[in-house]
N, C-alpha and C. Protein backbone atom coordinates (compact mmCIF):
# COMPACT_ATOMS: atom_id res chain seq x y z
N MET A 1 94.68 133.59 92.84
CA MET A 1 94.52 132.19 92.54
C MET A 1 93.75 131.52 93.67
N LEU A 2 92.79 130.69 93.30
CA LEU A 2 91.98 129.98 94.29
C LEU A 2 92.84 128.98 95.04
N LYS A 3 92.73 128.95 96.29
CA LYS A 3 93.51 128.04 97.14
C LYS A 3 92.59 126.98 97.73
N ILE A 4 93.13 125.83 98.00
CA ILE A 4 92.36 124.76 98.61
C ILE A 4 91.91 125.17 100.01
N GLY A 5 92.58 126.15 100.60
CA GLY A 5 92.19 126.63 101.92
C GLY A 5 90.76 127.10 101.95
N ALA A 6 90.30 127.72 100.86
CA ALA A 6 88.91 128.16 100.79
C ALA A 6 87.97 126.97 100.79
N VAL A 7 88.38 125.89 100.15
CA VAL A 7 87.57 124.67 100.14
C VAL A 7 87.51 124.10 101.55
N ILE A 8 88.65 124.09 102.21
CA ILE A 8 88.71 123.54 103.56
C ILE A 8 87.80 124.34 104.49
N ALA A 9 87.81 125.64 104.36
CA ALA A 9 86.96 126.48 105.20
C ALA A 9 85.49 126.11 105.04
N ALA A 10 85.10 125.74 103.83
CA ALA A 10 83.72 125.36 103.57
C ALA A 10 83.33 124.09 104.32
N PHE A 11 84.30 123.25 104.66
CA PHE A 11 84.02 121.99 105.34
C PHE A 11 83.58 122.19 106.78
N GLN A 12 83.82 123.34 107.36
CA GLN A 12 83.40 123.57 108.73
C GLN A 12 81.90 123.42 108.88
N ILE A 13 81.16 123.63 107.82
CA ILE A 13 79.71 123.55 107.86
C ILE A 13 79.25 122.10 108.01
N LEU A 14 79.99 121.17 107.43
CA LEU A 14 79.61 119.76 107.50
C LEU A 14 79.88 119.21 108.89
N VAL A 15 78.92 118.51 109.45
CA VAL A 15 79.09 117.95 110.78
C VAL A 15 79.33 116.45 110.69
N VAL A 16 78.59 115.76 109.86
CA VAL A 16 78.65 114.31 109.81
C VAL A 16 79.85 113.80 109.03
N SER A 17 80.08 114.32 107.82
CA SER A 17 81.09 113.70 106.98
C SER A 17 82.46 114.33 107.03
N VAL A 18 82.60 115.55 107.56
CA VAL A 18 83.90 116.19 107.56
C VAL A 18 84.14 116.88 108.89
N ALA A 19 85.33 116.73 109.43
CA ALA A 19 85.70 117.42 110.67
C ALA A 19 87.10 117.99 110.52
N TRP A 20 87.34 119.14 111.10
CA TRP A 20 88.67 119.77 111.04
C TRP A 20 89.69 118.93 111.77
N ALA A 21 90.88 118.83 111.20
CA ALA A 21 92.00 118.20 111.88
C ALA A 21 93.10 119.24 112.08
N MET A 22 93.47 119.94 111.02
CA MET A 22 94.48 120.98 111.04
C MET A 22 94.09 121.98 109.97
N PRO A 23 94.62 123.20 110.02
CA PRO A 23 94.27 124.18 109.00
C PRO A 23 94.61 123.74 107.58
N ASP A 24 95.64 122.92 107.41
CA ASP A 24 96.04 122.56 106.05
C ASP A 24 95.58 121.15 105.64
N GLN A 25 94.62 120.60 106.33
CA GLN A 25 94.08 119.31 105.92
C GLN A 25 92.66 119.16 106.45
N PHE A 26 91.94 118.18 105.91
CA PHE A 26 90.61 117.88 106.42
C PHE A 26 90.44 116.38 106.48
N GLN A 27 89.47 115.95 107.27
CA GLN A 27 89.17 114.54 107.40
C GLN A 27 87.77 114.29 106.89
N SER A 28 87.58 113.13 106.28
CA SER A 28 86.27 112.76 105.78
C SER A 28 86.19 111.24 105.75
N PHE A 29 85.10 110.73 105.21
CA PHE A 29 84.94 109.29 105.10
C PHE A 29 84.93 108.88 103.64
N ASP A 30 85.66 107.81 103.38
CA ASP A 30 85.71 107.23 102.05
C ASP A 30 84.36 106.57 101.79
N LEU A 31 83.68 106.99 100.74
CA LEU A 31 82.37 106.46 100.39
C LEU A 31 82.43 104.97 100.10
N ILE A 32 83.56 104.48 99.63
CA ILE A 32 83.71 103.08 99.28
C ILE A 32 83.90 102.21 100.53
N GLN A 33 84.82 102.62 101.39
CA GLN A 33 85.18 101.76 102.52
C GLN A 33 84.64 102.23 103.87
N ASP A 34 83.93 103.33 103.90
CA ASP A 34 83.39 103.87 105.16
C ASP A 34 84.46 104.03 106.23
N LYS A 35 85.65 104.41 105.83
CA LYS A 35 86.68 104.66 106.83
C LYS A 35 87.17 106.09 106.70
N LYS A 36 87.60 106.62 107.83
CA LYS A 36 88.06 108.01 107.87
C LYS A 36 89.36 108.15 107.09
N ILE A 37 89.46 109.21 106.32
CA ILE A 37 90.69 109.52 105.61
C ILE A 37 91.05 110.96 105.89
N SER A 38 92.31 111.26 105.75
CA SER A 38 92.80 112.62 105.93
C SER A 38 93.56 113.02 104.68
N LEU A 39 93.26 114.16 104.14
CA LEU A 39 93.93 114.64 102.94
C LEU A 39 94.72 115.89 103.25
N ALA A 40 96.02 115.78 103.29
CA ALA A 40 96.86 116.95 103.52
C ALA A 40 96.95 117.76 102.23
N THR A 41 96.83 119.06 102.35
CA THR A 41 96.99 119.92 101.17
C THR A 41 98.44 120.31 100.96
N LYS A 42 99.24 120.20 102.00
CA LYS A 42 100.68 120.47 101.89
C LYS A 42 101.38 119.17 102.22
N SER A 43 102.07 118.62 101.25
CA SER A 43 102.66 117.31 101.44
C SER A 43 104.00 117.24 100.72
N ALA A 44 105.06 116.99 101.46
CA ALA A 44 106.39 116.91 100.87
C ALA A 44 106.56 115.67 100.00
N GLU A 45 105.80 114.61 100.31
CA GLU A 45 106.00 113.37 99.57
C GLU A 45 105.13 113.26 98.32
N LYS A 46 104.22 114.17 98.12
CA LYS A 46 103.35 114.14 96.95
C LYS A 46 103.54 115.39 96.12
N LYS A 47 103.39 115.26 94.80
CA LYS A 47 103.53 116.41 93.91
C LYS A 47 102.25 117.20 93.80
N GLY A 48 101.17 116.65 94.28
CA GLY A 48 99.91 117.37 94.22
C GLY A 48 98.73 116.46 94.49
N LEU A 49 97.57 117.09 94.47
CA LEU A 49 96.30 116.41 94.71
C LEU A 49 95.47 116.48 93.45
N VAL A 50 94.97 115.34 93.01
CA VAL A 50 94.08 115.27 91.85
C VAL A 50 92.68 114.97 92.36
N LEU A 51 91.79 115.94 92.22
CA LEU A 51 90.38 115.77 92.58
C LEU A 51 89.60 115.58 91.29
N VAL A 52 88.79 114.54 91.23
CA VAL A 52 87.97 114.30 90.04
C VAL A 52 86.53 114.12 90.49
N PHE A 53 85.66 115.00 90.01
CA PHE A 53 84.23 114.90 90.30
C PHE A 53 83.67 113.82 89.40
N MET A 54 82.98 112.85 90.01
CA MET A 54 82.45 111.71 89.28
C MET A 54 81.00 111.46 89.65
N SER A 55 80.34 110.73 88.77
CA SER A 55 78.93 110.40 88.95
C SER A 55 78.76 108.88 88.93
N ALA A 56 77.77 108.42 89.66
CA ALA A 56 77.47 106.99 89.68
C ALA A 56 76.61 106.57 88.49
N LYS A 57 76.00 107.52 87.80
CA LYS A 57 75.12 107.13 86.69
C LYS A 57 75.43 107.80 85.36
N CYS A 58 76.41 108.66 85.30
CA CYS A 58 76.75 109.35 84.06
C CYS A 58 77.64 108.46 83.18
N PRO A 59 77.22 108.16 81.95
CA PRO A 59 78.05 107.33 81.08
C PRO A 59 79.39 107.97 80.74
N CYS A 60 79.44 109.29 80.72
CA CYS A 60 80.70 109.99 80.43
C CYS A 60 81.70 109.77 81.57
N SER A 61 81.23 109.93 82.78
CA SER A 61 82.06 109.69 83.95
C SER A 61 82.50 108.23 83.98
N ASN A 62 81.58 107.32 83.75
CA ASN A 62 81.87 105.89 83.75
C ASN A 62 82.92 105.53 82.70
N SER A 63 82.86 106.17 81.53
CA SER A 63 83.82 105.84 80.47
C SER A 63 85.25 106.23 80.83
N HIS A 64 85.41 107.12 81.79
CA HIS A 64 86.75 107.57 82.19
C HIS A 64 87.34 106.77 83.35
N VAL A 65 86.60 105.83 83.89
CA VAL A 65 87.11 105.04 85.02
C VAL A 65 88.40 104.30 84.65
N PRO A 66 88.48 103.59 83.51
CA PRO A 66 89.74 102.91 83.19
C PRO A 66 90.92 103.89 83.05
N GLU A 67 90.67 105.04 82.45
CA GLU A 67 91.73 106.05 82.30
C GLU A 67 92.20 106.56 83.66
N LEU A 68 91.26 106.83 84.55
CA LEU A 68 91.62 107.32 85.89
C LEU A 68 92.39 106.27 86.68
N LYS A 69 92.00 105.01 86.55
CA LYS A 69 92.74 103.94 87.22
C LYS A 69 94.18 103.89 86.71
N ALA A 70 94.33 103.99 85.38
CA ALA A 70 95.67 103.96 84.78
C ALA A 70 96.51 105.17 85.22
N LEU A 71 95.89 106.34 85.29
CA LEU A 71 96.61 107.54 85.72
C LEU A 71 97.05 107.43 87.17
N ALA A 72 96.19 106.90 88.02
CA ALA A 72 96.55 106.73 89.43
C ALA A 72 97.72 105.76 89.58
N GLU A 73 97.77 104.75 88.73
CA GLU A 73 98.88 103.80 88.75
C GLU A 73 100.16 104.44 88.19
N LYS A 74 100.03 105.21 87.13
CA LYS A 74 101.18 105.84 86.46
C LYS A 74 101.78 106.96 87.30
N TYR A 75 100.93 107.73 87.97
CA TYR A 75 101.38 108.91 88.71
C TYR A 75 101.18 108.70 90.21
N LYS A 76 101.95 107.79 90.77
CA LYS A 76 101.82 107.46 92.19
C LYS A 76 102.33 108.58 93.09
N ASP A 77 103.01 109.55 92.50
CA ASP A 77 103.50 110.68 93.30
C ASP A 77 102.46 111.78 93.44
N PHE A 78 101.24 111.51 92.99
CA PHE A 78 100.09 112.40 93.19
C PHE A 78 99.05 111.66 94.01
N ARG A 79 98.31 112.37 94.80
CA ARG A 79 97.20 111.77 95.54
C ARG A 79 95.94 111.98 94.72
N PHE A 80 95.23 110.90 94.44
CA PHE A 80 93.98 110.94 93.69
C PHE A 80 92.80 110.78 94.65
N VAL A 81 91.77 111.57 94.44
CA VAL A 81 90.54 111.47 95.21
C VAL A 81 89.38 111.79 94.28
N ALA A 82 88.38 110.93 94.27
CA ALA A 82 87.14 111.22 93.53
C ALA A 82 86.18 111.92 94.48
N VAL A 83 85.35 112.78 93.92
CA VAL A 83 84.34 113.50 94.70
C VAL A 83 82.99 113.24 94.06
N HIS A 84 82.03 112.81 94.88
CA HIS A 84 80.67 112.55 94.41
C HIS A 84 79.76 113.63 94.95
N SER A 85 79.22 114.48 94.06
CA SER A 85 78.41 115.63 94.48
C SER A 85 76.99 115.62 93.93
N ASN A 86 76.60 114.62 93.18
CA ASN A 86 75.29 114.63 92.53
C ASN A 86 74.16 114.35 93.52
N SER A 87 73.30 115.33 93.70
CA SER A 87 72.20 115.19 94.66
C SER A 87 71.09 114.27 94.16
N ASP A 88 71.07 113.99 92.86
CA ASP A 88 70.03 113.12 92.31
C ASP A 88 70.43 111.64 92.32
N GLU A 89 71.54 111.32 92.96
CA GLU A 89 72.00 109.94 93.07
C GLU A 89 72.00 109.56 94.55
N ASP A 90 71.18 108.58 94.91
CA ASP A 90 71.10 108.22 96.33
C ASP A 90 72.40 107.56 96.78
N LEU A 91 72.67 107.71 98.06
CA LEU A 91 73.93 107.25 98.64
C LEU A 91 74.14 105.75 98.45
N LYS A 92 73.09 104.96 98.63
CA LYS A 92 73.22 103.50 98.49
C LYS A 92 73.64 103.11 97.07
N SER A 93 73.01 103.70 96.07
CA SER A 93 73.36 103.41 94.67
C SER A 93 74.77 103.89 94.35
N ALA A 94 75.12 105.07 94.86
CA ALA A 94 76.45 105.62 94.61
C ALA A 94 77.52 104.72 95.22
N LYS A 95 77.31 104.29 96.47
CA LYS A 95 78.27 103.40 97.13
C LYS A 95 78.43 102.10 96.33
N SER A 96 77.32 101.54 95.91
CA SER A 96 77.35 100.30 95.14
C SER A 96 78.13 100.48 93.84
N TYR A 97 77.86 101.57 93.14
CA TYR A 97 78.55 101.84 91.88
C TYR A 97 80.06 101.97 92.10
N PHE A 98 80.45 102.83 93.03
CA PHE A 98 81.88 103.09 93.22
C PHE A 98 82.62 101.87 93.76
N GLN A 99 81.95 101.04 94.56
CA GLN A 99 82.57 99.80 95.01
C GLN A 99 82.80 98.86 93.83
N SER A 100 81.82 98.76 92.93
CA SER A 100 81.99 97.87 91.77
C SER A 100 83.00 98.42 90.77
N ALA A 101 83.18 99.75 90.73
CA ALA A 101 84.16 100.35 89.82
C ALA A 101 85.59 100.07 90.26
N GLN A 102 85.77 99.72 91.52
CA GLN A 102 87.08 99.36 92.09
C GLN A 102 88.14 100.43 91.82
N LEU A 103 87.79 101.67 92.10
CA LEU A 103 88.77 102.74 91.97
C LEU A 103 89.87 102.54 93.01
N PRO A 104 91.12 102.80 92.63
CA PRO A 104 92.23 102.61 93.57
C PRO A 104 92.48 103.82 94.47
N PHE A 105 91.46 104.64 94.64
CA PHE A 105 91.57 105.84 95.47
C PHE A 105 90.22 106.12 96.11
N PRO A 106 90.20 106.92 97.17
CA PRO A 106 88.94 107.18 97.89
C PRO A 106 87.94 108.00 97.08
N VAL A 107 86.68 107.87 97.46
CA VAL A 107 85.59 108.65 96.88
C VAL A 107 84.91 109.39 98.03
N LEU A 108 84.97 110.71 98.00
CA LEU A 108 84.34 111.52 99.04
C LEU A 108 82.92 111.88 98.66
N GLU A 109 82.01 111.77 99.60
CA GLU A 109 80.62 112.19 99.39
C GLU A 109 80.52 113.68 99.72
N ASP A 110 80.08 114.46 98.74
CA ASP A 110 79.93 115.91 98.88
C ASP A 110 78.44 116.24 98.81
N SER A 111 77.67 115.70 99.76
CA SER A 111 76.21 115.78 99.70
C SER A 111 75.67 117.21 99.76
N LYS A 112 76.41 118.12 100.32
CA LYS A 112 75.95 119.51 100.39
C LYS A 112 76.60 120.36 99.30
N ASP A 113 77.31 119.73 98.39
CA ASP A 113 77.94 120.40 97.24
C ASP A 113 78.97 121.45 97.64
N LEU A 114 79.52 121.34 98.81
CA LEU A 114 80.47 122.36 99.27
C LEU A 114 81.74 122.39 98.43
N ILE A 115 82.27 121.22 98.13
CA ILE A 115 83.49 121.16 97.32
C ILE A 115 83.17 121.58 95.89
N ALA A 116 82.09 121.04 95.35
CA ALA A 116 81.70 121.37 93.97
C ALA A 116 81.44 122.86 93.82
N ASP A 117 80.75 123.45 94.78
CA ASP A 117 80.45 124.88 94.71
C ASP A 117 81.72 125.72 94.81
N GLU A 118 82.58 125.37 95.74
CA GLU A 118 83.80 126.16 95.94
C GLU A 118 84.70 126.13 94.71
N LEU A 119 84.84 124.96 94.11
CA LEU A 119 85.71 124.84 92.93
C LEU A 119 84.97 125.13 91.63
N LYS A 120 83.67 125.31 91.71
CA LYS A 120 82.82 125.55 90.54
C LYS A 120 82.89 124.37 89.56
N ALA A 121 82.90 123.16 90.13
CA ALA A 121 82.85 121.96 89.30
C ALA A 121 81.51 121.93 88.60
N TYR A 122 81.51 121.60 87.33
CA TYR A 122 80.30 121.73 86.52
C TYR A 122 79.77 120.39 86.01
N LYS A 123 80.65 119.55 85.54
CA LYS A 123 80.23 118.29 84.94
C LYS A 123 81.05 117.13 85.50
N THR A 124 80.61 115.92 85.16
CA THR A 124 81.38 114.74 85.51
C THR A 124 81.79 114.03 84.22
N PRO A 125 83.07 113.71 84.12
CA PRO A 125 84.13 113.97 85.07
C PRO A 125 84.71 115.39 84.92
N HIS A 126 85.04 116.01 86.02
CA HIS A 126 85.69 117.32 86.04
C HIS A 126 86.88 117.19 86.97
N ALA A 127 88.08 117.41 86.43
CA ALA A 127 89.31 117.20 87.19
C ALA A 127 89.94 118.52 87.63
N PHE A 128 90.53 118.49 88.80
CA PHE A 128 91.30 119.61 89.34
C PHE A 128 92.63 119.06 89.84
N VAL A 129 93.72 119.70 89.45
CA VAL A 129 95.03 119.33 89.96
C VAL A 129 95.51 120.49 90.83
N LEU A 130 95.76 120.18 92.09
CA LEU A 130 96.22 121.19 93.04
C LEU A 130 97.66 120.89 93.43
N GLY A 131 98.47 121.92 93.42
CA GLY A 131 99.86 121.77 93.82
C GLY A 131 99.98 121.58 95.32
N PRO A 132 101.18 121.29 95.81
CA PRO A 132 101.39 121.05 97.24
C PRO A 132 100.98 122.23 98.13
N GLN A 133 100.97 123.43 97.60
CA GLN A 133 100.56 124.61 98.37
C GLN A 133 99.08 124.93 98.19
N GLY A 134 98.35 124.13 97.43
CA GLY A 134 96.92 124.34 97.24
C GLY A 134 96.55 125.14 96.01
N ASP A 135 97.52 125.57 95.22
CA ASP A 135 97.22 126.31 94.00
C ASP A 135 96.59 125.38 92.97
N ILE A 136 95.57 125.88 92.27
CA ILE A 136 94.97 125.09 91.20
C ILE A 136 95.86 125.20 89.97
N LEU A 137 96.46 124.08 89.58
CA LEU A 137 97.36 124.04 88.44
C LEU A 137 96.62 123.70 87.16
N TYR A 138 95.51 122.97 87.29
CA TYR A 138 94.70 122.59 86.13
C TYR A 138 93.28 122.36 86.58
N GLN A 139 92.34 122.71 85.69
CA GLN A 139 90.95 122.32 85.89
C GLN A 139 90.33 122.09 84.53
N GLY A 140 89.55 121.02 84.44
CA GLY A 140 88.88 120.72 83.19
C GLY A 140 88.65 119.23 83.02
N GLY A 141 88.48 118.84 81.78
CA GLY A 141 88.19 117.46 81.46
C GLY A 141 89.39 116.54 81.69
N VAL A 142 89.09 115.28 81.86
CA VAL A 142 90.14 114.26 81.95
C VAL A 142 90.73 114.06 80.55
N THR A 143 89.84 114.07 79.55
CA THR A 143 90.25 113.95 78.15
C THR A 143 89.51 114.99 77.32
N SER A 144 89.74 114.95 76.02
CA SER A 144 89.09 115.88 75.10
C SER A 144 87.73 115.40 74.62
N SER A 145 87.23 114.32 75.18
CA SER A 145 85.96 113.75 74.74
C SER A 145 85.09 113.36 75.93
N ALA A 146 83.80 113.42 75.74
CA ALA A 146 82.88 112.95 76.78
C ALA A 146 83.05 111.45 76.99
N ILE A 147 83.42 110.73 75.95
CA ILE A 147 83.67 109.29 76.02
C ILE A 147 85.17 109.07 75.86
N ALA A 148 85.80 108.55 76.90
CA ALA A 148 87.26 108.47 76.96
C ALA A 148 87.88 107.76 75.76
N THR A 149 87.26 106.69 75.29
CA THR A 149 87.85 105.93 74.18
C THR A 149 87.83 106.69 72.86
N GLN A 150 87.08 107.79 72.80
CA GLN A 150 87.01 108.59 71.58
C GLN A 150 87.90 109.84 71.65
N ALA A 151 88.67 109.97 72.71
CA ALA A 151 89.48 111.17 72.91
C ALA A 151 90.71 111.18 72.02
N ASP A 152 91.03 112.38 71.51
CA ASP A 152 92.28 112.54 70.77
C ASP A 152 93.36 113.21 71.64
N ARG A 153 92.94 113.74 72.78
CA ARG A 153 93.88 114.31 73.75
C ARG A 153 93.51 113.82 75.14
N HIS A 154 94.52 113.66 75.93
CA HIS A 154 94.35 113.18 77.31
C HIS A 154 94.89 114.27 78.24
N TYR A 155 94.05 115.27 78.48
CA TYR A 155 94.46 116.48 79.20
C TYR A 155 95.11 116.19 80.55
N LEU A 156 94.45 115.40 81.35
CA LEU A 156 94.96 115.16 82.70
C LEU A 156 96.31 114.46 82.65
N ASP A 157 96.48 113.51 81.76
CA ASP A 157 97.75 112.82 81.60
C ASP A 157 98.84 113.81 81.20
N GLU A 158 98.54 114.71 80.25
CA GLU A 158 99.52 115.70 79.80
C GLU A 158 99.96 116.60 80.96
N VAL A 159 99.00 117.06 81.74
CA VAL A 159 99.30 117.95 82.86
C VAL A 159 100.15 117.24 83.91
N LEU A 160 99.76 116.04 84.28
CA LEU A 160 100.50 115.30 85.30
C LEU A 160 101.91 114.95 84.82
N GLU A 161 102.05 114.65 83.54
CA GLU A 161 103.37 114.38 82.97
C GLU A 161 104.26 115.62 83.09
N ASP A 162 103.72 116.78 82.72
CA ASP A 162 104.49 118.03 82.81
C ASP A 162 104.93 118.29 84.25
N ILE A 163 104.01 118.20 85.19
CA ILE A 163 104.33 118.47 86.59
C ILE A 163 105.37 117.47 87.09
N SER A 164 105.23 116.20 86.71
CA SER A 164 106.18 115.17 87.12
C SER A 164 107.58 115.46 86.63
N GLN A 165 107.67 116.12 85.48
CA GLN A 165 108.98 116.46 84.90
C GLN A 165 109.48 117.83 85.36
N GLY A 166 108.78 118.43 86.32
CA GLY A 166 109.20 119.72 86.84
C GLY A 166 108.88 120.89 85.94
N LYS A 167 108.00 120.67 84.96
CA LYS A 167 107.62 121.73 84.02
C LYS A 167 106.30 122.37 84.44
N LYS A 168 106.08 123.57 83.94
CA LYS A 168 104.78 124.21 84.10
C LYS A 168 103.79 123.44 83.21
N PRO A 169 102.60 123.14 83.72
CA PRO A 169 101.63 122.40 82.90
C PRO A 169 101.32 123.14 81.60
N ARG A 170 101.28 122.39 80.50
CA ARG A 170 100.99 123.00 79.20
C ARG A 170 99.57 123.53 79.11
N LEU A 171 98.70 123.03 79.97
CA LEU A 171 97.32 123.49 80.03
C LEU A 171 96.99 123.91 81.45
N SER A 172 96.24 124.98 81.60
CA SER A 172 95.71 125.30 82.92
C SER A 172 94.21 125.03 82.96
N ARG A 173 93.62 124.96 81.77
CA ARG A 173 92.19 124.65 81.64
C ARG A 173 91.96 123.76 80.43
N GLY A 174 91.00 122.88 80.58
CA GLY A 174 90.57 122.03 79.48
C GLY A 174 89.06 121.97 79.49
N ARG A 175 88.48 121.79 78.34
CA ARG A 175 87.02 121.74 78.25
C ARG A 175 86.49 120.52 78.99
N THR A 176 85.49 120.76 79.81
CA THR A 176 84.86 119.67 80.57
C THR A 176 83.63 119.20 79.82
N LEU A 177 83.63 117.94 79.44
CA LEU A 177 82.51 117.35 78.71
C LEU A 177 81.94 116.21 79.54
N GLY A 178 80.64 116.17 79.67
CA GLY A 178 80.03 115.11 80.46
C GLY A 178 78.66 115.52 80.95
N CYS A 179 78.24 114.92 82.04
CA CYS A 179 76.92 115.18 82.62
C CYS A 179 77.02 116.28 83.67
N VAL A 180 76.06 117.17 83.67
CA VAL A 180 76.03 118.28 84.63
C VAL A 180 75.86 117.74 86.04
N ILE A 181 76.62 118.28 86.98
CA ILE A 181 76.49 117.91 88.39
C ILE A 181 75.18 118.47 88.91
N MET A 182 74.33 117.60 89.41
CA MET A 182 73.03 118.01 89.94
C MET A 182 73.21 118.45 91.39
N ARG A 183 72.74 119.67 91.70
CA ARG A 183 72.98 120.27 93.00
C ARG A 183 71.69 120.52 93.77
N GLY A 184 70.84 119.59 93.91
CA GLY A 184 69.62 119.78 94.70
C GLY A 184 68.78 120.91 94.15
N ASP A 185 68.39 121.85 95.01
CA ASP A 185 67.55 122.96 94.56
C ASP A 185 68.37 124.14 94.06
N LYS A 186 69.70 124.01 94.08
CA LYS A 186 70.56 125.09 93.59
C LYS A 186 70.77 124.92 92.10
N LYS A 187 71.06 126.01 91.43
CA LYS A 187 71.37 125.97 90.01
C LYS A 187 72.84 126.31 89.82
N ASN A 188 73.44 125.69 88.81
CA ASN A 188 74.81 126.06 88.46
C ASN A 188 74.77 127.45 87.86
N VAL A 189 75.57 128.34 88.39
CA VAL A 189 75.55 129.72 87.91
C VAL A 189 76.77 130.06 87.08
N TRP A 190 77.58 129.10 86.79
CA TRP A 190 78.77 129.40 86.02
C TRP A 190 78.70 128.77 84.67
């Protein structure tokens, strides 16, 4: 099973936006507030980490913003973090978009695609739920539709509900629908 530790190891390459703090956590800057944040991968007070890859210009990603805000409010016992990895979106535009979206959680800039590559994130929005030990409990779409209001299933909500109730998530994977994450001169190979 893929562990978040592998993702953390990839951060050693980044000099500007990420620096090591401890083996089980990393530090970075919130794209919205330009302040340093630390994300522990092992946390007694949280049930897990929800990483959601998002885009500043993808209508599919944008349509899921209200759902993600509601989930962050509903599941306060999880840590939510958005990840911005699209190389075709300039930093200024991305910052402006995410500030206006008023997400209640940080947005990490993944300009070298290290997080996206390690987790094999493919589209936006693409969600990953990691348990307190770093195990990937779920990966896939936030909902069953590219446009959130047209969804008949809410995958991420179902998974977080199961985990909150102490159950094994009913899904470990869900289809990811949305815009492909643009990775500079690299191609998605998965």
